[in-house]
C-alpha atoms as a PDB file:
ATOM      1  CA  UNK A   1     151.889-100.038 192.559  1.00  0.00           C
ATOM      2  CA  UNK A   2     149.216 -97.547 191.541  1.00  0.00           C
ATOM      3  CA  UNK A   3     149.986 -94.771 189.074  1.00  0.00           C
ATOM      4  CA  UNK A   4     147.233 -92.216 188.536  1.00  0.00           C
ATOM      5  CA  UNK A   5     146.851 -91.492 184.831  1.00  0.00           C
ATOM      6  CA  UNK A   6     143.772 -89.249 185.011  1.00  0.00           C
ATOM      7  CA  UNK A   7     142.199 -87.692 188.086  1.00  0.00           C
ATOM      8  CA  UNK A   8     139.055 -85.835 187.116  1.00  0.00           C
ATOM      9  CA  UNK A   9     137.003 -86.632 190.207  1.00  0.00           C
ATOM     10  CA  UNK A  10     134.129 -86.620 190.857  1.00  0.00           C
ATOM     11  CA  UNK A  11     133.590 -87.599 187.199  1.00  0.00           C
ATOM     12  CA  UNK A  12     136.386 -90.006 186.358  1.00  0.00           C
ATOM     13  CA  UNK A  13     139.630 -91.624 187.494  1.00  0.00           C
ATOM     14  CA  UNK A  14     142.042 -93.789 185.504  1.00  0.00           C
ATOM     15  CA  UNK A  15     144.920 -95.648 187.120  1.00  0.00           C
ATOM     16  CA  UNK A  16     147.607 -98.094 186.093  1.00  0.00           C
ATOM     17  CA  UNK A  17     148.094-100.992 188.513  1.00  0.00           C
ATOM     18  CA  UNK A  18     151.341-102.963 188.416  1.00  0.00           C
ATOM     19  CA  UNK A  19     151.386-106.147 190.478  1.00  0.00           C
ATOM     20  CA  UNK A  20     153.788-109.069 190.652  1.00  0.00           C
ATOM     21  CA  UNK A  21     151.291-111.209 188.675  1.00  0.00           C
ATOM     22  CA  UNK A  22     149.744-108.697 186.281  1.00  0.00           C
ATOM     23  CA  UNK A  23     149.455-105.165 184.965  1.00  0.00           C
ATOM     24  CA  UNK A  24     146.128-103.535 184.257  1.00  0.00           C
ATOM     25  CA  UNK A  25     144.500-100.176 183.689  1.00  0.00           C
ATOM     26  CA  UNK A  26     141.232 -99.326 185.420  1.00  0.00           C
ATOM     27  CA  UNK A  27     138.938 -96.465 184.494  1.00  0.00           C
ATOM     28  CA  UNK A  28     136.166 -95.603 186.919  1.00  0.00           C
ATOM     29  CA  UNK A  29     133.420 -93.186 185.929  1.00  0.00           C
ATOM     30  CA  UNK A  30     130.627 -91.768 188.053  1.00  0.00           C
ATOM     31  CA  UNK A  31     127.368 -90.748 186.375  1.00  0.00           C
ATOM     32  CA  UNK A  32     124.605 -88.922 188.239  1.00  0.00           C
ATOM     33  CA  UNK A  33     121.298 -90.722 187.767  1.00  0.00           C
ATOM     34  CA  UNK A  34     119.212 -88.550 190.079  1.00  0.00           C
ATOM     35  CA  UNK A  35     119.682 -86.309 193.109  1.00  0.00           C
ATOM     36  CA  UNK A  36     120.774 -89.146 195.403  1.00  0.00           C
ATOM     37  CA  UNK A  37     121.699 -91.895 192.921  1.00  0.00           C
ATOM     38  CA  UNK A  38     124.994 -92.378 191.111  1.00  0.00           C
ATOM     39  CA  UNK A  39     125.986 -95.023 188.597  1.00  0.00           C
ATOM     40  CA  UNK A  40     129.562 -96.327 188.876  1.00  0.00           C
ATOM     41  CA  UNK A  41     131.028 -97.593 185.599  1.00  0.00           C
ATOM     42  CA  UNK A  42     134.259 -99.572 185.840  1.00  0.00           C
ATOM     43  CA  UNK A  43     136.396-100.700 182.906  1.00  0.00           C
ATOM     44  CA  UNK A  44     139.470-102.870 183.443  1.00  0.00           C
ATOM     45  CA  UNK A  45     141.991-103.658 180.723  1.00  0.00           C
ATOM     46  CA  UNK A  46     144.499-106.380 181.551  1.00  0.00           C
ATOM     47  CA  UNK A  47     147.655-105.613 179.609  1.00  0.00           C
ATOM     48  CA  UNK A  48     150.216-108.071 180.978  1.00  0.00           C
ATOM     49  CA  UNK A  49     150.262-111.349 182.891  1.00  0.00           C
ATOM     50  CA  UNK A  50     153.453-112.518 184.622  1.00  0.00           C
ATOM     51  CA  UNK A  51     153.992-116.205 185.293  1.00  0.00           C
ATOM     52  CA  UNK A  52     152.763-119.444 183.809  1.00  0.00           C
ATOM     53  CA  UNK A  53     149.896-120.083 186.245  1.00  0.00           C
ATOM     54  CA  UNK A  54     148.274-116.655 185.937  1.00  0.00           C
ATOM     55  CA  UNK A  55     148.607-116.807 182.135  1.00  0.00           C
ATOM     56  CA  UNK A  56     146.845-120.191 182.119  1.00  0.00           C
ATOM     57  CA  UNK A  57     144.062-118.926 184.388  1.00  0.00           C
ATOM     58  CA  UNK A  58     143.580-115.893 182.132  1.00  0.00           C
ATOM     59  CA  UNK A  59     143.435-118.112 179.057  1.00  0.00           C
ATOM     60  CA  UNK A  60     141.225-120.899 180.450  1.00  0.00           C
ATOM     61  CA  UNK A  61     138.984-118.875 182.779  1.00  0.00           C
ATOM     62  CA  UNK A  62     138.806-115.294 181.459  1.00  0.00           C
ATOM     63  CA  UNK A  63     135.577-114.623 183.384  1.00  0.00           C
ATOM     64  CA  UNK A  64     137.356-115.123 186.736  1.00  0.00           C
ATOM     65  CA  UNK A  65     138.803-111.617 186.522  1.00  0.00           C
ATOM     66  CA  UNK A  66     135.414-110.148 185.642  1.00  0.00           C
ATOM     67  CA  UNK A  67     133.801-112.024 188.550  1.00  0.00           C
ATOM     68  CA  UNK A  68     136.374-110.642 190.993  1.00  0.00           C
ATOM     69  CA  UNK A  69     135.815-107.091 189.739  1.00  0.00           C
ATOM     70  CA  UNK A  70     132.056-107.571 190.094  1.00  0.00           C
ATOM     71  CA  UNK A  71     132.541-108.809 193.665  1.00  0.00           C
ATOM     72  CA  UNK A  72     134.489-105.627 194.549  1.00  0.00           C
ATOM     73  CA  UNK A  73     131.813-103.438 192.939  1.00  0.00           C
ATOM     74  CA  UNK A  74     129.085-105.137 194.980  1.00  0.00           C
ATOM     75  CA  UNK A  75     131.121-104.659 198.173  1.00  0.00           C
ATOM     76  CA  UNK A  76     131.631-100.968 197.335  1.00  0.00           C
ATOM     77  CA  UNK A  77     127.891-100.565 196.628  1.00  0.00           C
ATOM     78  CA  UNK A  78     127.062-102.071 200.021  1.00  0.00           C
ATOM     79  CA  UNK A  79     129.563 -99.752 201.728  1.00  0.00           C
ATOM     80  CA  UNK A  80     128.298 -96.649 199.920  1.00  0.00           C
ATOM     81  CA  UNK A  81     124.649 -97.395 200.653  1.00  0.00           C
ATOM     82  CA  UNK A  82     125.354 -97.944 204.353  1.00  0.00           C
ATOM     83  CA  UNK A  83     127.288 -94.674 204.594  1.00  0.00           C
ATOM     84  CA  UNK A  84     124.448 -92.595 203.173  1.00  0.00           C
END
């Protein structure tokens, strides 16, 4: 479930995500670099893990969550650059 905490688009959006396995808050900021370039800054704070397996993954492989977020950012970048 997504709950919007702050909606100040096009500058910033913060949302709380509640999933069966975890709860996290994501803040996304957009910063204009030049006329046709924008920097997307994404911060994710994992606040709760539900279940033994996901807790172990978070403890043993904390970079896995960062890698997944990076993968989504790269996919979004590809999408945005194709659309323009």
